[in-house]
Amino acid sequence: MRDEPIDTAPLPSHLRQDNHFPDVWHVDLIEWEQQGSAAEACADVLLDKRWPDLIRRKAMLARLTAFAVESRPEDSSGPATAARVRLADQLAQLQLYAVLSPLEKLFTRAERPVKVAVLAAMQQLFFKRSFVTVRSALRENDPAVVEQAAKAVESLYFQHAFDPLSRIVRESPQPHVRASALRALARVDTMEAAEFLLGILEHGAPADRAAALDGLKRSRGARFIELARSSMHTTVPEVQAALRDVLRSRGIAA
């Protein structure tokens, strides 16, 4: 008996999977170790040469601000509050998932300007996790915080935002918050969002129907147009009129 030779040639390129995804457990472990420290999160960005120099320079500036802020956590003076507001803005400029944890920690501060600054930062970070802080802010008693949260809701439109946005529409008791979510949904160009908005036009409260219609007339997505055309003759006259209004606003004959 003798051993047969084994073909050890590498797999053809079309059969290989060369995509490398970050280990989720590793990211979670690092975040747990950092405990929401902006200085530590920025250090990771600063030392990672895969990021462009511009991003790393911004991380360095945010890290310097974070040193001053995090060394005096009990300080709620005007200058300290201003520094935290500046830190929230600097973190937002990085546009990275890694800054969410430091921003979430900043949001636990009691100072209104800090909370508002964090929400202004969140509306620039297009991750589903951003909605965790935004939805928490919507339950605050401070009208200024709720107003900024509503602005963030309207800005956070992206393909995977349907679930949190539709949940806000279903759960929020405040018409202007639901309106922000509906206008954002009108810019999420998926069939799921289109069907949800059609349901609002058919069965929603008058204020919600008006917000959905306004958002759809401003949107440039194609999915709702397809749905409007296919539903035109199967819905009630009032909704047909709204659908025609949307089509006309897009320059489409109804």
C-alpha atoms as a PDB file:
ATOM      1  CA  MET A   1       0.000   0.000   0.000  1.00  0.00           C
ATOM      2  CA  ARG A   2       1.302   3.434  -0.833  1.00  0.00           C
ATOM      3  CA  ASP A   3       0.041   6.931  -0.226  1.00  0.00           C
ATOM      4  CA  GLU A   4      -1.637   8.640  -3.119  1.00  0.00           C
ATOM      5  CA  PRO A   5      -0.376  12.116  -3.945  1.00  0.00           C
ATOM      6  CA  ILE A   6      -2.676  14.925  -2.762  1.00  0.00           C
ATOM      7  CA  ASP A   7      -3.437  17.872  -4.954  1.00  0.00           C
ATOM      8  CA  THR A   8      -2.598  20.875  -2.759  1.00  0.00           C
ATOM      9  CA  ALA A   9      -3.219  23.527  -5.381  1.00  0.00           C
ATOM     10  CA  PRO A  10      -5.056  26.550  -3.975  1.00  0.00           C
ATOM     11  CA  LEU A  11      -8.760  27.005  -4.592  1.00  0.00           C
ATOM     12  CA  PRO A  12      -9.669  28.974  -7.689  1.00  0.00           C
ATOM     13  CA  SER A  13     -10.292  32.645  -6.968  1.00  0.00           C
ATOM     14  CA  HIS A  14     -14.013  32.364  -7.756  1.00  0.00           C
ATOM     15  CA  LEU A  15     -14.417  29.770  -4.967  1.00  0.00           C
ATOM     16  CA  ARG A  16     -12.478  31.646  -2.297  1.00  0.00           C
ATOM     17  CA  GLN A  17     -14.141  33.973   0.202  1.00  0.00           C
ATOM     18  CA  ASP A  18     -11.639  36.750   0.729  1.00  0.00           C
ATOM     19  CA  ASN A  19     -13.967  39.077   2.629  1.00  0.00           C
ATOM     20  CA  HIS A  20     -12.727  39.777   6.124  1.00  0.00           C
ATOM     21  CA  PHE A  21     -15.323  40.909   8.639  1.00  0.00           C
ATOM     22  CA  PRO A  22     -14.395  42.232  12.084  1.00  0.00           C
ATOM     23  CA  ASP A  23     -15.025  39.820  14.937  1.00  0.00           C
ATOM     24  CA  VAL A  24     -18.098  41.162  16.711  1.00  0.00           C
ATOM     25  CA  TRP A  25     -16.999  39.700  20.037  1.00  0.00           C
ATOM     26  CA  HIS A  26     -13.689  41.554  19.749  1.00  0.00           C
ATOM     27  CA  VAL A  27     -15.401  44.897  19.074  1.00  0.00           C
ATOM     28  CA  ASP A  28     -17.761  44.331  22.011  1.00  0.00           C
ATOM     29  CA  LEU A  29     -14.879  43.418  24.313  1.00  0.00           C
ATOM     30  CA  ILE A  30     -12.939  46.559  23.436  1.00  0.00           C
ATOM     31  CA  GLU A  31     -16.020  48.704  24.003  1.00  0.00           C
ATOM     32  CA  TRP A  32     -16.634  47.061  27.377  1.00  0.00           C
ATOM     33  CA  GLU A  33     -13.035  47.706  28.422  1.00  0.00           C
ATOM     34  CA  GLN A  34     -13.219  51.345  27.369  1.00  0.00           C
ATOM     35  CA  GLN A  35     -16.399  51.979  29.406  1.00  0.00           C
ATOM     36  CA  GLY A  36     -17.537  54.803  27.144  1.00  0.00           C
ATOM     37  CA  SER A  37     -14.233  56.691  27.272  1.00  0.00           C
ATOM     38  CA  ALA A  38     -13.939  59.085  24.344  1.00  0.00           C
ATOM     39  CA  ALA A  39     -10.184  59.354  24.897  1.00  0.00           C
ATOM     40  CA  GLU A  40      -9.741  55.582  24.541  1.00  0.00           C
ATOM     41  CA  ALA A  41     -12.032  55.314  21.515  1.00  0.00           C
ATOM     42  CA  CYS A  42     -10.164  58.131  19.784  1.00  0.00           C
ATOM     43  CA  ALA A  43      -6.822  56.511  20.624  1.00  0.00           C
ATOM     44  CA  ASP A  44      -7.886  53.377  18.742  1.00  0.00           C
ATOM     45  CA  VAL A  45      -8.710  55.474  15.680  1.00  0.00           C
ATOM     46  CA  LEU A  46      -5.533  57.516  15.999  1.00  0.00           C
ATOM     47  CA  LEU A  47      -3.318  54.421  16.111  1.00  0.00           C
ATOM     48  CA  ASP A  48      -5.093  52.596  13.287  1.00  0.00           C
ATOM     49  CA  LYS A  49      -3.205  53.513  10.121  1.00  0.00           C
ATOM     50  CA  ARG A  50      -5.999  52.145   7.952  1.00  0.00           C
ATOM     51  CA  TRP A  51      -7.907  55.380   8.554  1.00  0.00           C
ATOM     52  CA  PRO A  52      -7.093  58.446   6.417  1.00  0.00           C
ATOM     53  CA  ASP A  53      -4.870  61.102   7.964  1.00  0.00           C
ATOM     54  CA  LEU A  54      -7.787  63.543   8.111  1.00  0.00           C
ATOM     55  CA  ILE A  55      -9.830  61.178  10.295  1.00  0.00           C
ATOM     56  CA  ARG A  56      -6.859  60.468  12.532  1.00  0.00           C
ATOM     57  CA  ARG A  57      -6.179  64.196  12.996  1.00  0.00           C
ATOM     58  CA  LYS A  58      -9.812  64.723  13.985  1.00  0.00           C
ATOM     59  CA  ALA A  59      -9.494  61.830  16.425  1.00  0.00           C
ATOM     60  CA  MET A  60      -6.435  63.484  17.959  1.00  0.00           C
ATOM     61  CA  LEU A  61      -8.314  66.761  18.508  1.00  0.00           C
ATOM     62  CA  ALA A  62     -11.268  64.934  20.055  1.00  0.00           C
ATOM     63  CA  ARG A  63      -8.887  62.958  22.280  1.00  0.00           C
ATOM     64  CA  LEU A  64      -7.330  66.171  23.614  1.00  0.00           C
ATOM     65  CA  THR A  65     -10.786  67.523  24.439  1.00  0.00           C
ATOM     66  CA  ALA A  66     -11.735  64.202  26.028  1.00  0.00           C
ATOM     67  CA  PHE A  67      -8.718  64.323  28.350  1.00  0.00           C
ATOM     68  CA  ALA A  68      -9.916  67.643  29.765  1.00  0.00           C
ATOM     69  CA  VAL A  69     -13.533  66.458  30.061  1.00  0.00           C
ATOM     70  CA  GLU A  70     -12.985  62.981  31.469  1.00  0.00           C
ATOM     71  CA  SER A  71     -10.443  64.070  34.074  1.00  0.00           C
ATOM     72  CA  ARG A  72     -13.159  66.099  35.860  1.00  0.00           C
ATOM     73  CA  PRO A  73     -16.423  64.114  35.652  1.00  0.00           C
ATOM     74  CA  GLU A  74     -17.999  65.993  38.586  1.00  0.00           C
ATOM     75  CA  ASP A  75     -17.394  69.412  37.036  1.00  0.00           C
ATOM     76  CA  SER A  76     -20.679  70.843  35.721  1.00  0.00           C
ATOM     77  CA  SER A  77     -19.473  74.423  35.339  1.00  0.00           C
ATOM     78  CA  GLY A  78     -20.065  76.472  32.208  1.00  0.00           C
ATOM     79  CA  PRO A  79     -16.593  75.840  30.743  1.00  0.00           C
ATOM     80  CA  ALA A  80     -16.852  72.097  31.438  1.00  0.00           C
ATOM     81  CA  THR A  81     -20.281  71.942  29.797  1.00  0.00           C
ATOM     82  CA  ALA A  82     -18.960  73.853  26.782  1.00  0.00           C
ATOM     83  CA  ALA A  83     -16.084  71.372  26.517  1.00  0.00           C
ATOM     84  CA  ARG A  84     -18.516  68.432  26.523  1.00  0.00           C
ATOM     85  CA  VAL A  85     -20.581  70.104  23.807  1.00  0.00           C
ATOM     86  CA  ARG A  86     -17.401  70.566  21.765  1.00  0.00           C
ATOM     87  CA  LEU A  87     -16.437  66.929  22.340  1.00  0.00           C
ATOM     88  CA  ALA A  88     -19.811  65.702  21.051  1.00  0.00           C
ATOM     89  CA  ASP A  89     -19.316  67.701  17.858  1.00  0.00           C
ATOM     90  CA  GLN A  90     -15.746  66.462  17.417  1.00  0.00           C
ATOM     91  CA  LEU A  91     -16.824  62.845  17.873  1.00  0.00           C
ATOM     92  CA  ALA A  92     -19.590  63.274  15.298  1.00  0.00           C
ATOM     93  CA  GLN A  93     -17.046  64.482  12.746  1.00  0.00           C
ATOM     94  CA  LEU A  94     -15.335  61.089  12.850  1.00  0.00           C
ATOM     95  CA  GLN A  95     -18.470  59.438  11.396  1.00  0.00           C
ATOM     96  CA  LEU A  96     -17.501  56.107  12.974  1.00  0.00           C
ATOM     97  CA  TYR A  97     -19.436  53.448  14.868  1.00  0.00           C
ATOM     98  CA  ALA A  98     -16.768  53.563  17.582  1.00  0.00           C
ATOM     99  CA  VAL A  99     -17.919  56.993  18.800  1.00  0.00           C
ATOM    100  CA  LEU A 100     -21.438  55.826  19.679  1.00  0.00           C
ATOM    101  CA  SER A 101     -20.480  54.485  23.101  1.00  0.00           C
ATOM    102  CA  PRO A 102     -18.765  57.737  24.219  1.00  0.00           C
ATOM    103  CA  LEU A 103     -21.731  59.740  22.942  1.00  0.00           C
ATOM    104  CA  GLU A 104     -24.145  57.483  24.812  1.00  0.00           C
ATOM    105  CA  LYS A 105     -22.173  58.108  27.990  1.00  0.00           C
ATOM    106  CA  LEU A 106     -22.218  61.864  27.375  1.00  0.00           C
ATOM    107  CA  PHE A 107     -25.995  61.739  26.981  1.00  0.00           C
ATOM    108  CA  THR A 108     -26.342  60.536  30.579  1.00  0.00           C
ATOM    109  CA  ARG A 109     -25.190  63.981  31.730  1.00  0.00           C
ATOM    110  CA  ALA A 110     -27.899  66.192  33.204  1.00  0.00           C
ATOM    111  CA  GLU A 111     -26.895  69.371  31.352  1.00  0.00           C
ATOM    112  CA  ARG A 112     -29.347  70.269  28.576  1.00  0.00           C
ATOM    113  CA  PRO A 113     -26.695  71.668  26.166  1.00  0.00           C
ATOM    114  CA  VAL A 114     -24.771  68.392  26.375  1.00  0.00           C
ATOM    115  CA  LYS A 115     -27.855  66.278  25.648  1.00  0.00           C
ATOM    116  CA  VAL A 116     -28.790  68.501  22.706  1.00  0.00           C
ATOM    117  CA  ALA A 117     -25.225  68.357  21.353  1.00  0.00           C
ATOM    118  CA  VAL A 118     -25.204  64.555  21.579  1.00  0.00           C
ATOM    119  CA  LEU A 119     -28.474  64.350  19.639  1.00  0.00           C
ATOM    120  CA  ALA A 120     -27.102  66.718  16.996  1.00  0.00           C
ATOM    121  CA  ALA A 121     -24.149  64.345  16.713  1.00  0.00           C
ATOM    122  CA  MET A 122     -26.368  61.260  16.522  1.00  0.00           C
ATOM    123  CA  GLN A 123     -28.272  62.622  13.542  1.00  0.00           C
ATOM    124  CA  GLN A 124     -25.017  62.431  11.562  1.00  0.00           C
ATOM    125  CA  LEU A 125     -24.306  58.801  12.474  1.00  0.00           C
ATOM    126  CA  PHE A 126     -26.292  56.477  10.239  1.00  0.00           C
ATOM    127  CA  PHE A 127     -26.371  53.360  12.404  1.00  0.00           C
ATOM    128  CA  LYS A 128     -29.404  51.581  13.848  1.00  0.00           C
ATOM    129  CA  ARG A 129     -27.796  51.906  17.265  1.00  0.00           C
ATOM    130  CA  SER A 130     -28.114  55.700  17.010  1.00  0.00           C
ATOM    131  CA  PHE A 131     -31.849  55.246  17.517  1.00  0.00           C
ATOM    132  CA  VAL A 132     -31.277  53.849  21.021  1.00  0.00           C
ATOM    133  CA  THR A 133     -30.212  57.267  22.298  1.00  0.00           C
ATOM    134  CA  VAL A 134     -32.694  59.133  20.121  1.00  0.00           C
ATOM    135  CA  ARG A 135     -35.662  57.077  21.340  1.00  0.00           C
ATOM    136  CA  SER A 136     -34.511  57.579  24.919  1.00  0.00           C
ATOM    137  CA  ALA A 137     -34.422  61.339  24.298  1.00  0.00           C
ATOM    138  CA  LEU A 138     -37.981  61.277  22.964  1.00  0.00           C
ATOM    139  CA  ARG A 139     -39.118  60.160  26.426  1.00  0.00           C
ATOM    140  CA  GLU A 140     -37.417  63.090  28.195  1.00  0.00           C
ATOM    141  CA  ASN A 141     -39.460  65.813  29.887  1.00  0.00           C
ATOM    142  CA  ASP A 142     -37.334  68.647  28.486  1.00  0.00           C
ATOM    143  CA  PRO A 143     -39.042  70.061  25.345  1.00  0.00           C
ATOM    144  CA  ALA A 144     -35.694  71.240  23.921  1.00  0.00           C
ATOM    145  CA  VAL A 145     -34.279  67.723  24.139  1.00  0.00           C
ATOM    146  CA  VAL A 146     -37.393  66.200  22.559  1.00  0.00           C
ATOM    147  CA  GLU A 147     -37.302  68.774  19.759  1.00  0.00           C
ATOM    148  CA  GLN A 148     -33.674  67.960  18.943  1.00  0.00           C
ATOM    149  CA  ALA A 149     -34.480  64.251  19.085  1.00  0.00           C
ATOM    150  CA  ALA A 150     -37.273  64.785  16.545  1.00  0.00           C
ATOM    151  CA  LYS A 151     -34.789  66.542  14.246  1.00  0.00           C
ATOM    152  CA  ALA A 152     -32.452  63.577  14.601  1.00  0.00           C
ATOM    153  CA  VAL A 153     -35.273  61.175  13.717  1.00  0.00           C
ATOM    154  CA  GLU A 154     -35.966  63.040  10.487  1.00  0.00           C
ATOM    155  CA  SER A 155     -32.276  62.975   9.539  1.00  0.00           C
ATOM    156  CA  LEU A 156     -31.723  59.265  10.186  1.00  0.00           C
ATOM    157  CA  TYR A 157     -33.031  57.783   6.957  1.00  0.00           C
ATOM    158  CA  PHE A 158     -31.176  54.829   5.467  1.00  0.00           C
ATOM    159  CA  GLN A 159     -32.122  51.380   4.218  1.00  0.00           C
ATOM    160  CA  HIS A 160     -31.985  49.617   7.584  1.00  0.00           C
ATOM    161  CA  ALA A 161     -33.777  52.394   9.474  1.00  0.00           C
ATOM    162  CA  PHE A 162     -37.272  51.077   8.703  1.00  0.00           C
ATOM    163  CA  ASP A 163     -37.736  49.129  11.949  1.00  0.00           C
ATOM    164  CA  PRO A 164     -36.816  51.916  14.407  1.00  0.00           C
ATOM    165  CA  LEU A 165     -38.613  54.597  12.382  1.00  0.00           C
ATOM    166  CA  SER A 166     -41.825  52.597  12.044  1.00  0.00           C
ATOM    167  CA  ARG A 167     -41.669  51.791  15.744  1.00  0.00           C
ATOM    168  CA  ILE A 168     -41.509  55.507  16.569  1.00  0.00           C
ATOM    169  CA  VAL A 169     -44.579  56.095  14.389  1.00  0.00           C
ATOM    170  CA  ARG A 170     -46.481  53.348  16.198  1.00  0.00           C
ATOM    171  CA  GLU A 171     -45.418  54.272  19.727  1.00  0.00           C
ATOM    172  CA  SER A 172     -44.976  58.042  19.936  1.00  0.00           C
ATOM    173  CA  PRO A 173     -47.930  59.996  21.362  1.00  0.00           C
ATOM    174  CA  GLN A 174     -46.547  63.258  19.924  1.00  0.00           C
ATOM    175  CA  PRO A 175     -47.778  64.175  16.415  1.00  0.00           C
ATOM    176  CA  HIS A 176     -44.666  66.201  15.509  1.00  0.00           C
ATOM    177  CA  VAL A 177     -42.399  63.266  16.421  1.00  0.00           C
ATOM    178  CA  ARG A 178     -44.473  60.869  14.308  1.00  0.00           C
ATOM    179  CA  ALA A 179     -44.351  63.417  11.482  1.00  0.00           C
ATOM    180  CA  SER A 180     -40.545  63.463  11.628  1.00  0.00           C
ATOM    181  CA  ALA A 181     -40.427  59.668  11.469  1.00  0.00           C
ATOM    182  CA  LEU A 182     -42.892  59.555   8.565  1.00  0.00           C
ATOM    183  CA  ARG A 183     -40.933  62.117   6.562  1.00  0.00           C
ATOM    184  CA  ALA A 184     -37.793  60.060   7.160  1.00  0.00           C
ATOM    185  CA  LEU A 185     -39.570  56.865   6.096  1.00  0.00           C
ATOM    186  CA  ALA A 186     -40.595  58.554   2.856  1.00  0.00           C
ATOM    187  CA  ARG A 187     -36.878  58.754   2.028  1.00  0.00           C
ATOM    188  CA  VAL A 188     -36.229  55.074   2.806  1.00  0.00           C
ATOM    189  CA  ASP A 189     -36.585  53.605  -0.664  1.00  0.00           C
ATOM    190  CA  THR A 190     -37.688  50.070   0.172  1.00  0.00           C
ATOM    191  CA  MET A 191     -40.943  48.266  -0.570  1.00  0.00           C
ATOM    192  CA  GLU A 192     -41.437  47.692   3.154  1.00  0.00           C
ATOM    193  CA  ALA A 193     -41.380  51.443   3.813  1.00  0.00           C
ATOM    194  CA  ALA A 194     -43.602  52.112   0.791  1.00  0.00           C
ATOM    195  CA  GLU A 195     -46.252  49.665   2.014  1.00  0.00           C
ATOM    196  CA  PHE A 196     -46.124  51.154   5.510  1.00  0.00           C
ATOM    197  CA  LEU A 197     -46.675  54.668   4.145  1.00  0.00           C
ATOM    198  CA  LEU A 198     -49.540  53.501   1.944  1.00  0.00           C
ATOM    199  CA  GLY A 199     -51.109  52.035   5.075  1.00  0.00           C
ATOM    200  CA  ILE A 200     -50.773  55.433   6.776  1.00  0.00           C
ATOM    201  CA  LEU A 201     -52.477  57.136   3.823  1.00  0.00           C
ATOM    202  CA  GLU A 202     -55.297  54.594   4.028  1.00  0.00           C
ATOM    203  CA  HIS A 203     -55.811  54.280   7.781  1.00  0.00           C
ATOM    204  CA  GLY A 204     -53.683  56.874   9.601  1.00  0.00           C
ATOM    205  CA  ALA A 205     -54.789  59.880  11.632  1.00  0.00           C
ATOM    206  CA  PRO A 206     -55.246  63.086   9.595  1.00  0.00           C
ATOM    207  CA  ALA A 207     -51.984  64.621  10.887  1.00  0.00           C
ATOM    208  CA  ASP A 208     -50.071  61.431  10.082  1.00  0.00           C
ATOM    209  CA  ARG A 209     -51.563  61.241   6.584  1.00  0.00           C
ATOM    210  CA  ALA A 210     -50.557  64.863   5.960  1.00  0.00           C
ATOM    211  CA  ALA A 211     -46.980  64.208   7.139  1.00  0.00           C
ATOM    212  CA  ALA A 212     -46.680  61.050   5.027  1.00  0.00           C
ATOM    213  CA  LEU A 213     -48.034  62.844   1.964  1.00  0.00           C
ATOM    214  CA  ASP A 214     -45.653  65.765   2.473  1.00  0.00           C
ATOM    215  CA  GLY A 215     -42.683  63.410   2.789  1.00  0.00           C
ATOM    216  CA  LEU A 216     -43.654  61.373  -0.265  1.00  0.00           C
ATOM    217  CA  LYS A 217     -44.021  64.473  -2.433  1.00  0.00           C
ATOM    218  CA  ARG A 218     -40.484  65.529  -1.492  1.00  0.00           C
ATOM    219  CA  SER A 219     -38.954  62.078  -1.843  1.00  0.00           C
ATOM    220  CA  ARG A 220     -37.254  60.794  -4.981  1.00  0.00           C
ATOM    221  CA  GLY A 221     -37.514  57.074  -4.272  1.00  0.00           C
ATOM    222  CA  ALA A 222     -38.936  54.705  -6.888  1.00  0.00           C
ATOM    223  CA  ARG A 223     -40.523  52.019  -4.699  1.00  0.00           C
ATOM    224  CA  PHE A 224     -43.539  54.066  -3.641  1.00  0.00           C
ATOM    225  CA  ILE A 225     -44.178  55.126  -7.239  1.00  0.00           C
ATOM    226  CA  GLU A 226     -44.387  51.463  -8.259  1.00  0.00           C
ATOM    227  CA  LEU A 227     -46.761  50.748  -5.387  1.00  0.00           C
ATOM    228  CA  ALA A 228     -48.896  53.821  -6.091  1.00  0.00           C
ATOM    229  CA  ARG A 229     -49.407  52.797  -9.703  1.00  0.00           C
ATOM    230  CA  SER A 230     -50.360  49.236  -8.814  1.00  0.00           C
ATOM    231  CA  SER A 231     -52.722  50.365  -6.020  1.00  0.00           C
ATOM    232  CA  MET A 232     -54.357  53.274  -7.811  1.00  0.00           C
ATOM    233  CA  HIS A 233     -57.562  51.450  -8.745  1.00  0.00           C
ATOM    234  CA  THR A 234     -57.910  49.235  -5.679  1.00  0.00           C
ATOM    235  CA  THR A 235     -58.116  51.855  -2.947  1.00  0.00           C
ATOM    236  CA  VAL A 236     -60.703  54.412  -1.873  1.00  0.00           C
ATOM    237  CA  PRO A 237     -61.143  57.707  -3.785  1.00  0.00           C
ATOM    238  CA  GLU A 238     -59.568  59.809  -1.017  1.00  0.00           C
ATOM    239  CA  VAL A 239     -56.370  57.752  -1.129  1.00  0.00           C
ATOM    240  CA  GLN A 240     -56.431  57.728  -4.937  1.00  0.00           C
ATOM    241  CA  ALA A 241     -56.388  61.533  -4.837  1.00  0.00           C
ATOM    242  CA  ALA A 242     -53.364  61.472  -2.511  1.00  0.00           C
ATOM    243  CA  LEU A 243     -51.547  59.015  -4.779  1.00  0.00           C
ATOM    244  CA  ARG A 244     -52.227  61.205  -7.814  1.00  0.00           C
ATOM    245  CA  ASP A 245     -50.885  64.169  -5.857  1.00  0.00           C
ATOM    246  CA  VAL A 246     -47.651  62.284  -5.189  1.00  0.00           C
ATOM    247  CA  LEU A 247     -47.306  61.221  -8.822  1.00  0.00           C
ATOM    248  CA  ARG A 248     -47.931  64.750 -10.111  1.00  0.00           C
ATOM    249  CA  SER A 249     -45.309  66.131  -7.718  1.00  0.00           C
ATOM    250  CA  ARG A 250     -42.801  63.778  -9.378  1.00  0.00           C
ATOM    251  CA  GLY A 251     -43.835  64.882 -12.862  1.00  0.00           C
ATOM    252  CA  ILE A 252     -45.625  61.596 -13.564  1.00  0.00           C
ATOM    253  CA  ALA A 253     -48.991  61.535 -15.289  1.00  0.00           C
ATOM    254  CA  ALA A 254     -51.655  60.123 -12.987  1.00  0.00           C
END
